[in-house]
Amino acid sequence: MAAKSEVGVHSYRLNKVMQSFDAWEAYVYRLVDRLLEFEGNKMMRHEQVILSKKIRNGRYRLAREKDPRLQKEIQETLDSYLRQQAQLDNLRFLMEKTRLDLEEVVSGIGAVYSQLQALVAMDVRSRRTQRLAHGIEEEQSELDDLLAAFEELYQ
């Protein structure tokens, strides 16, 4: 009777992990979509190139302008360009972090999947199987926490 109960508990755990794979897969696709959208944005790449030139030009003009009123206007424009550059830099950082997050999630999913395959091949009643099942649950929990943190960050 106890062995049958252990089998039921492990079946429940396995089903729970399998359901998580669907959520993880959907999350991975969302991350990939964000990266592809960012990398495919021609306007943003063009703006990054042009913005550097605008900043250089603005600094050059500011250094040479003698009229205080024009200096003020040039400085305000330059400040605007610098804010825009900072936002683009932050976006690039976020996209690089997204790439790393994606690698981490895929690695975690791979670890859970390989442990799951080992678990399926083992005798459900063995101590090693129970430890592996516990390890899978911990990995699943860590991945769920990681994905929840990413969701907060990217919203």
Protein backbone atom coordinates (compact mmCIF):
# COMPACT_ATOMS: atom_id res chain seq x y z
CA MET A 1 0.00 0.00 0.00
CA ALA A 2 2.84 2.43 0.85
CA ALA A 3 4.56 1.65 -2.46
CA LYS A 4 1.35 2.44 -4.32
CA SER A 5 1.10 5.73 -2.42
CA GLU A 6 4.70 6.62 -3.33
CA VAL A 7 3.96 5.91 -6.99
CA GLY A 8 0.94 8.22 -6.80
CA VAL A 9 2.97 11.01 -5.21
CA HIS A 10 5.69 10.68 -7.84
CA SER A 11 3.13 10.63 -10.64
CA TYR A 12 1.63 13.82 -9.26
CA ARG A 13 5.08 15.43 -9.06
CA LEU A 14 5.91 14.38 -12.62
CA ASN A 15 2.64 15.78 -13.93
CA LYS A 16 3.30 19.05 -12.13
CA VAL A 17 6.76 19.32 -13.70
CA MET A 18 5.40 18.47 -17.15
CA GLN A 19 2.83 21.26 -16.84
CA SER A 20 5.63 23.66 -15.97
CA PHE A 21 7.40 22.82 -19.23
CA ASP A 22 4.53 24.43 -21.16
CA ALA A 23 4.83 27.66 -19.17
CA TRP A 24 8.61 27.68 -19.53
CA GLU A 25 8.37 27.07 -23.27
CA ALA A 26 5.93 29.97 -23.67
CA TYR A 27 8.25 32.22 -21.69
CA VAL A 28 11.26 31.24 -23.81
CA TYR A 29 9.32 32.11 -26.96
CA ARG A 30 8.42 35.53 -25.51
CA LEU A 31 12.08 36.23 -24.73
CA VAL A 32 13.14 35.15 -28.22
CA ASP A 33 10.44 37.35 -29.78
CA ARG A 34 11.69 40.37 -27.81
CA LEU A 35 15.25 39.74 -28.91
CA LEU A 36 14.31 39.27 -32.55
CA GLU A 37 12.19 42.42 -32.50
CA PHE A 38 15.05 44.42 -31.01
CA GLU A 39 17.66 43.01 -33.38
CA GLY A 40 15.42 43.55 -36.40
CA ASN A 41 14.60 47.17 -35.60
CA LYS A 42 16.39 49.07 -38.38
CA MET A 43 15.21 52.43 -37.12
CA MET A 44 16.82 51.84 -33.74
CA ARG A 45 20.14 50.80 -35.29
CA HIS A 46 20.04 53.85 -37.54
CA GLU A 47 19.22 56.09 -34.57
CA GLN A 48 22.21 54.73 -32.63
CA VAL A 49 24.56 55.70 -35.46
CA ILE A 50 22.98 59.11 -36.08
CA LEU A 51 22.74 59.94 -32.38
CA SER A 52 26.50 59.61 -31.88
CA LYS A 53 27.06 62.09 -34.70
CA LYS A 54 24.44 64.48 -33.29
CA ILE A 55 26.12 64.41 -29.87
CA ARG A 56 29.56 65.02 -31.35
CA ASN A 57 28.21 67.85 -33.49
CA GLY A 58 26.33 69.38 -30.55
CA ARG A 59 29.45 69.38 -28.38
CA TYR A 60 31.46 70.93 -31.19
CA ARG A 61 28.87 73.67 -31.74
CA LEU A 62 28.54 74.35 -28.02
CA ALA A 63 32.30 74.77 -27.64
CA ARG A 64 32.42 77.30 -30.46
CA GLU A 65 29.21 79.26 -29.89
CA LYS A 66 29.67 82.70 -28.28
CA ASP A 67 26.04 83.80 -27.89
CA PRO A 68 24.75 82.69 -24.45
CA ARG A 69 21.17 82.30 -25.74
CA LEU A 70 22.30 79.95 -28.50
CA GLN A 71 24.60 78.15 -26.07
CA LYS A 72 21.56 77.50 -23.88
CA GLU A 73 19.56 76.13 -26.84
CA ILE A 74 22.44 73.97 -28.00
CA GLN A 75 22.96 72.65 -24.45
CA GLU A 76 19.26 71.76 -24.12
CA THR A 77 19.36 69.93 -27.44
CA LEU A 78 22.57 68.17 -26.44
CA ASP A 79 21.03 67.15 -23.11
CA SER A 80 18.09 65.69 -25.00
CA TYR A 81 20.43 63.66 -27.21
CA LEU A 82 22.36 62.45 -24.16
CA ARG A 83 19.12 61.33 -22.45
CA GLN A 84 18.13 59.50 -25.60
CA GLN A 85 21.58 57.87 -25.76
CA ALA A 86 21.25 56.77 -22.13
CA GLN A 87 17.86 55.22 -22.89
CA LEU A 88 19.29 53.37 -25.89
CA ASP A 89 22.22 52.18 -23.76
CA ASN A 90 19.77 50.93 -21.12
CA LEU A 91 17.78 49.14 -23.79
CA ARG A 92 20.91 47.49 -25.19
CA PHE A 93 21.84 46.41 -21.65
CA LEU A 94 18.37 45.01 -21.10
CA MET A 95 18.52 43.07 -24.37
CA GLU A 96 21.93 41.63 -23.48
CA LYS A 97 20.55 40.68 -20.08
CA THR A 98 17.60 39.07 -21.87
CA ARG A 99 20.02 36.97 -23.94
CA LEU A 100 21.75 35.81 -20.77
CA ASP A 101 18.43 35.18 -19.04
CA LEU A 102 17.33 33.10 -22.01
CA GLU A 103 20.48 30.99 -21.80
CA GLU A 104 19.93 30.51 -18.07
CA VAL A 105 16.30 29.45 -18.54
CA VAL A 106 17.13 27.04 -21.36
CA SER A 107 19.95 25.55 -19.27
CA GLY A 108 17.60 25.12 -16.31
CA ILE A 109 14.96 23.49 -18.47
CA GLY A 110 17.59 21.13 -19.86
CA ALA A 111 18.69 20.19 -16.34
CA VAL A 112 15.12 19.49 -15.25
CA TYR A 113 14.41 17.52 -18.41
CA SER A 114 17.47 15.29 -18.04
CA GLN A 115 16.67 14.68 -14.37
CA LEU A 116 13.10 13.91 -15.34
CA GLN A 117 14.23 11.35 -17.90
CA ALA A 118 16.47 9.70 -15.30
CA LEU A 119 13.59 9.65 -12.84
CA VAL A 120 11.24 8.00 -15.32
CA ALA A 121 13.81 5.26 -15.93
CA MET A 122 14.30 4.49 -12.22
CA ASP A 123 12.45 2.44 -9.68
CA VAL A 124 9.97 4.85 -8.09
CA ARG A 125 10.47 3.46 -4.60
CA SER A 126 14.25 3.90 -4.42
CA ARG A 127 15.84 6.55 -2.21
CA ARG A 128 17.84 7.88 -5.17
CA THR A 129 14.61 8.39 -7.11
CA GLN A 130 13.12 10.29 -4.20
CA ARG A 131 16.21 12.52 -3.95
CA LEU A 132 16.12 13.14 -7.70
CA ALA A 133 12.41 13.98 -7.54
CA HIS A 134 13.15 16.43 -4.75
CA GLY A 135 15.98 17.95 -6.82
CA ILE A 136 13.62 18.35 -9.77
CA GLU A 137 11.10 20.13 -7.58
CA GLU A 138 13.81 22.49 -6.30
CA GLU A 139 15.01 23.21 -9.85
CA GLN A 140 11.41 23.74 -10.94
CA SER A 141 10.85 26.16 -8.08
CA GLU A 142 14.04 28.08 -8.92
CA LEU A 143 13.01 28.33 -12.58
CA ASP A 144 9.53 29.49 -11.62
CA ASP A 145 11.05 32.15 -9.33
CA LEU A 146 13.46 33.22 -12.07
CA LEU A 147 10.67 33.52 -14.61
CA ALA A 148 8.51 35.49 -12.18
CA ALA A 149 11.40 37.91 -11.60
CA PHE A 150 11.87 38.29 -15.37
CA GLU A 151 8.17 38.98 -15.83
CA GLU A 152 8.36 41.78 -13.26
CA LEU A 153 11.46 43.21 -14.91
CA TYR A 154 10.08 43.16 -18.45
CA GLN A 155 6.62 44.54 -17.71
